[in-house]
Amino acid sequence: MPARDPRTLLPLPHLEYQILVSLADADLHGYAIVKQVAERSEGTSTPSTGSLYLAIARLLEHGLIDEVTPAASGGRKKRTYALSAFGQQVAQAETTRLGELARLAQDRLQGRHAATSSSRGRR
């Protein structure tokens, strides 16, 4: 099977990107992913259960994450997810894309600010 180009899946929807980032350090179950996303966004983004599991289903379908052996919690098994090697590549490619986009925006905004400031001084 030929290697897949991670860029073919970009841009990632925000929630899918957040899930991949959450799984970068450890395997997690759904509720732990929601908590990490909420913490990282300082409470401004808390995905609903439905949105989370639709995003997880898409990530599983594309091979970006894997379902690993469920962990028992209080007698109940929780589905736990792990970042796949391809998922790591896609997350890195999206991080690079977002960084480039932010740099471009910053350059344009600083250029506009400088142009506006200098034109005001000419009046």
C-alpha atoms as a PDB file:
ATOM      1  CA  MET A   1       0.000   0.000   0.000  1.00  0.00           C
ATOM      2  CA  PRO A   2       1.531   3.355  -1.006  1.00  0.00           C
ATOM      3  CA  ALA A   3       2.094   6.001   1.635  1.00  0.00           C
ATOM      4  CA  ARG A   4      -0.775   8.438   2.002  1.00  0.00           C
ATOM      5  CA  ASP A   5      -0.177  12.166   1.812  1.00  0.00           C
ATOM      6  CA  PRO A   6      -1.486  13.733   5.051  1.00  0.00           C
ATOM      7  CA  ARG A   7      -2.264  16.984   3.205  1.00  0.00           C
ATOM      8  CA  THR A   8      -5.094  15.263   1.312  1.00  0.00           C
ATOM      9  CA  LEU A   9      -7.185  15.483   4.501  1.00  0.00           C
ATOM     10  CA  LEU A  10      -6.523  19.171   5.131  1.00  0.00           C
ATOM     11  CA  PRO A  11      -7.956  21.430   6.289  1.00  0.00           C
ATOM     12  CA  LEU A  12      -9.241  19.468   9.247  1.00  0.00           C
ATOM     13  CA  PRO A  13     -12.446  20.513  10.947  1.00  0.00           C
ATOM     14  CA  HIS A  14     -11.623  22.251  14.233  1.00  0.00           C
ATOM     15  CA  LEU A  15     -13.009  19.518  16.495  1.00  0.00           C
ATOM     16  CA  GLU A  16     -11.174  16.749  14.648  1.00  0.00           C
ATOM     17  CA  TYR A  17      -7.924  18.674  14.998  1.00  0.00           C
ATOM     18  CA  GLN A  18      -8.589  19.177  18.709  1.00  0.00           C
ATOM     19  CA  ILE A  19      -9.214  15.452  19.160  1.00  0.00           C
ATOM     20  CA  LEU A  20      -5.919  14.586  17.459  1.00  0.00           C
ATOM     21  CA  VAL A  21      -4.062  17.077  19.652  1.00  0.00           C
ATOM     22  CA  SER A  22      -5.744  15.618  22.753  1.00  0.00           C
ATOM     23  CA  LEU A  23      -4.536  12.141  21.833  1.00  0.00           C
ATOM     24  CA  ALA A  24      -0.948  13.249  21.172  1.00  0.00           C
ATOM     25  CA  ASP A  25       0.180  12.552  24.752  1.00  0.00           C
ATOM     26  CA  ALA A  26      -2.010   9.647  25.832  1.00  0.00           C
ATOM     27  CA  ASP A  27      -4.833   7.311  24.887  1.00  0.00           C
ATOM     28  CA  LEU A  28      -8.141   8.751  26.104  1.00  0.00           C
ATOM     29  CA  HIS A  29     -11.838   7.943  26.308  1.00  0.00           C
ATOM     30  CA  GLY A  30     -14.475  10.347  25.000  1.00  0.00           C
ATOM     31  CA  TYR A  31     -15.173  12.251  28.217  1.00  0.00           C
ATOM     32  CA  ALA A  32     -11.452  12.821  28.799  1.00  0.00           C
ATOM     33  CA  ILE A  33     -11.161  14.207  25.257  1.00  0.00           C
ATOM     34  CA  VAL A  34     -14.044  16.625  25.928  1.00  0.00           C
ATOM     35  CA  LYS A  35     -12.341  17.773  29.151  1.00  0.00           C
ATOM     36  CA  GLN A  36      -9.019  18.357  27.374  1.00  0.00           C
ATOM     37  CA  VAL A  37     -10.643  20.343  24.558  1.00  0.00           C
ATOM     38  CA  ALA A  38     -12.522  22.465  27.103  1.00  0.00           C
ATOM     39  CA  GLU A  39      -9.376  23.078  29.177  1.00  0.00           C
ATOM     40  CA  ARG A  40      -7.242  23.953  26.139  1.00  0.00           C
ATOM     41  CA  SER A  41      -9.882  26.437  24.938  1.00  0.00           C
ATOM     42  CA  GLU A  42     -10.294  27.871  28.448  1.00  0.00           C
ATOM     43  CA  GLY A  43     -13.928  26.768  28.419  1.00  0.00           C
ATOM     44  CA  THR A  44     -14.895  28.471  25.146  1.00  0.00           C
ATOM     45  CA  SER A  45     -15.234  25.155  23.300  1.00  0.00           C
ATOM     46  CA  THR A  46     -16.921  22.168  24.884  1.00  0.00           C
ATOM     47  CA  PRO A  47     -18.057  19.704  22.225  1.00  0.00           C
ATOM     48  CA  SER A  48     -21.377  17.930  22.623  1.00  0.00           C
ATOM     49  CA  THR A  49     -21.371  14.156  22.874  1.00  0.00           C
ATOM     50  CA  GLY A  50     -22.987  13.848  19.451  1.00  0.00           C
ATOM     51  CA  SER A  51     -20.438  16.124  17.775  1.00  0.00           C
ATOM     52  CA  LEU A  52     -17.569  14.345  19.501  1.00  0.00           C
ATOM     53  CA  TYR A  53     -18.593  10.865  18.410  1.00  0.00           C
ATOM     54  CA  LEU A  54     -19.324  11.938  14.819  1.00  0.00           C
ATOM     55  CA  ALA A  55     -15.812  13.404  14.659  1.00  0.00           C
ATOM     56  CA  ILE A  56     -14.339  10.266  16.247  1.00  0.00           C
ATOM     57  CA  ALA A  57     -16.162   8.100  13.689  1.00  0.00           C
ATOM     58  CA  ARG A  58     -14.660  10.127  10.835  1.00  0.00           C
ATOM     59  CA  LEU A  59     -11.168   9.956  12.372  1.00  0.00           C
ATOM     60  CA  LEU A  60     -11.506   6.177  12.769  1.00  0.00           C
ATOM     61  CA  GLU A  61     -12.749   5.866   9.162  1.00  0.00           C
ATOM     62  CA  HIS A  62      -9.692   7.711   7.829  1.00  0.00           C
ATOM     63  CA  GLY A  63      -7.268   5.788  10.037  1.00  0.00           C
ATOM     64  CA  LEU A  64      -6.200   8.843  12.038  1.00  0.00           C
ATOM     65  CA  ILE A  65      -7.062   7.235  15.362  1.00  0.00           C
ATOM     66  CA  ASP A  66      -7.522   3.671  16.580  1.00  0.00           C
ATOM     67  CA  GLU A  67      -9.859   2.224  19.140  1.00  0.00           C
ATOM     68  CA  VAL A  68      -7.747   0.467  21.746  1.00  0.00           C
ATOM     69  CA  THR A  69      -8.641  -2.059  24.421  1.00  0.00           C
ATOM     70  CA  PRO A  70     -11.460  -0.568  26.471  1.00  0.00           C
ATOM     71  CA  ALA A  71     -10.575   0.403  30.022  1.00  0.00           C
ATOM     72  CA  ALA A  72     -12.942  -0.785  32.725  1.00  0.00           C
ATOM     73  CA  SER A  73     -14.265   2.032  34.878  1.00  0.00           C
ATOM     74  CA  GLY A  74     -16.712   1.236  37.650  1.00  0.00           C
ATOM     75  CA  GLY A  75     -17.608  -2.067  36.010  1.00  0.00           C
ATOM     76  CA  ARG A  76     -18.285  -0.310  32.708  1.00  0.00           C
ATOM     77  CA  LYS A  77     -15.940  -0.484  29.749  1.00  0.00           C
ATOM     78  CA  LYS A  78     -15.055   2.858  28.177  1.00  0.00           C
ATOM     79  CA  ARG A  79     -13.922   3.020  24.580  1.00  0.00           C
ATOM     80  CA  THR A  80     -10.443   4.440  24.498  1.00  0.00           C
ATOM     81  CA  TYR A  81      -8.806   6.008  21.464  1.00  0.00           C
ATOM     82  CA  ALA A  82      -5.173   6.333  20.384  1.00  0.00           C
ATOM     83  CA  LEU A  83      -3.506   8.548  17.799  1.00  0.00           C
ATOM     84  CA  SER A  84      -2.272   6.476  14.844  1.00  0.00           C
ATOM     85  CA  ALA A  85       1.044   7.129  13.103  1.00  0.00           C
ATOM     86  CA  PHE A  86      -0.864   8.564  10.136  1.00  0.00           C
ATOM     87  CA  GLY A  87      -2.966  10.660  12.527  1.00  0.00           C
ATOM     88  CA  GLN A  88       0.257  12.091  13.967  1.00  0.00           C
ATOM     89  CA  GLN A  89       1.381  13.045  10.442  1.00  0.00           C
ATOM     90  CA  VAL A  90      -1.966  14.666   9.645  1.00  0.00           C
ATOM     91  CA  ALA A  91      -1.993  16.586  12.947  1.00  0.00           C
ATOM     92  CA  GLN A  92       1.543  17.838  12.266  1.00  0.00           C
ATOM     93  CA  ALA A  93       0.608  18.864   8.711  1.00  0.00           C
ATOM     94  CA  GLU A  94      -2.447  20.753  10.009  1.00  0.00           C
ATOM     95  CA  THR A  95      -0.364  22.438  12.708  1.00  0.00           C
ATOM     96  CA  THR A  96       2.092  23.577  10.040  1.00  0.00           C
ATOM     97  CA  ARG A  97      -0.758  24.799   7.814  1.00  0.00           C
ATOM     98  CA  LEU A  98      -2.341  26.765  10.653  1.00  0.00           C
ATOM     99  CA  GLY A  99       1.017  28.260  11.636  1.00  0.00           C
ATOM    100  CA  GLU A 100       1.630  29.441   8.073  1.00  0.00           C
ATOM    101  CA  LEU A 101      -1.881  30.892   7.909  1.00  0.00           C
ATOM    102  CA  ALA A 102      -1.354  32.736  11.206  1.00  0.00           C
ATOM    103  CA  ARG A 103       2.006  34.123  10.018  1.00  0.00           C
ATOM    104  CA  LEU A 104       0.448  35.332   6.759  1.00  0.00           C
ATOM    105  CA  ALA A 105      -2.405  36.990   8.630  1.00  0.00           C
ATOM    106  CA  GLN A 106      -0.006  38.608  11.097  1.00  0.00           C
ATOM    107  CA  ASP A 107       2.147  39.967   8.267  1.00  0.00           C
ATOM    108  CA  ARG A 108      -0.878  41.410   6.486  1.00  0.00           C
ATOM    109  CA  LEU A 109      -2.326  42.923   9.624  1.00  0.00           C
ATOM    110  CA  GLN A 110       0.982  44.486  10.614  1.00  0.00           C
ATOM    111  CA  GLY A 111       1.444  45.793   7.072  1.00  0.00           C
ATOM    112  CA  ARG A 112      -2.040  47.309   7.089  1.00  0.00           C
ATOM    113  CA  HIS A 113      -1.424  48.879  10.484  1.00  0.00           C
ATOM    114  CA  ALA A 114       1.873  50.369   9.309  1.00  0.00           C
ATOM    115  CA  ALA A 115       0.277  51.680   6.077  1.00  0.00           C
ATOM    116  CA  THR A 116      -2.664  53.172   7.976  1.00  0.00           C
ATOM    117  CA  SER A 117      -0.381  54.804  10.534  1.00  0.00           C
ATOM    118  CA  SER A 118       1.900  56.320   7.886  1.00  0.00           C
ATOM    119  CA  SER A 119      -1.019  57.625   5.799  1.00  0.00           C
ATOM    120  CA  ARG A 120      -2.505  59.304   8.864  1.00  0.00           C
ATOM    121  CA  GLY A 121       0.788  61.058   9.476  1.00  0.00           C
ATOM    122  CA  ARG A 122       0.745  62.505   5.952  1.00  0.00           C
ATOM    123  CA  ARG A 123      -2.490  64.449   6.367  1.00  0.00           C
END
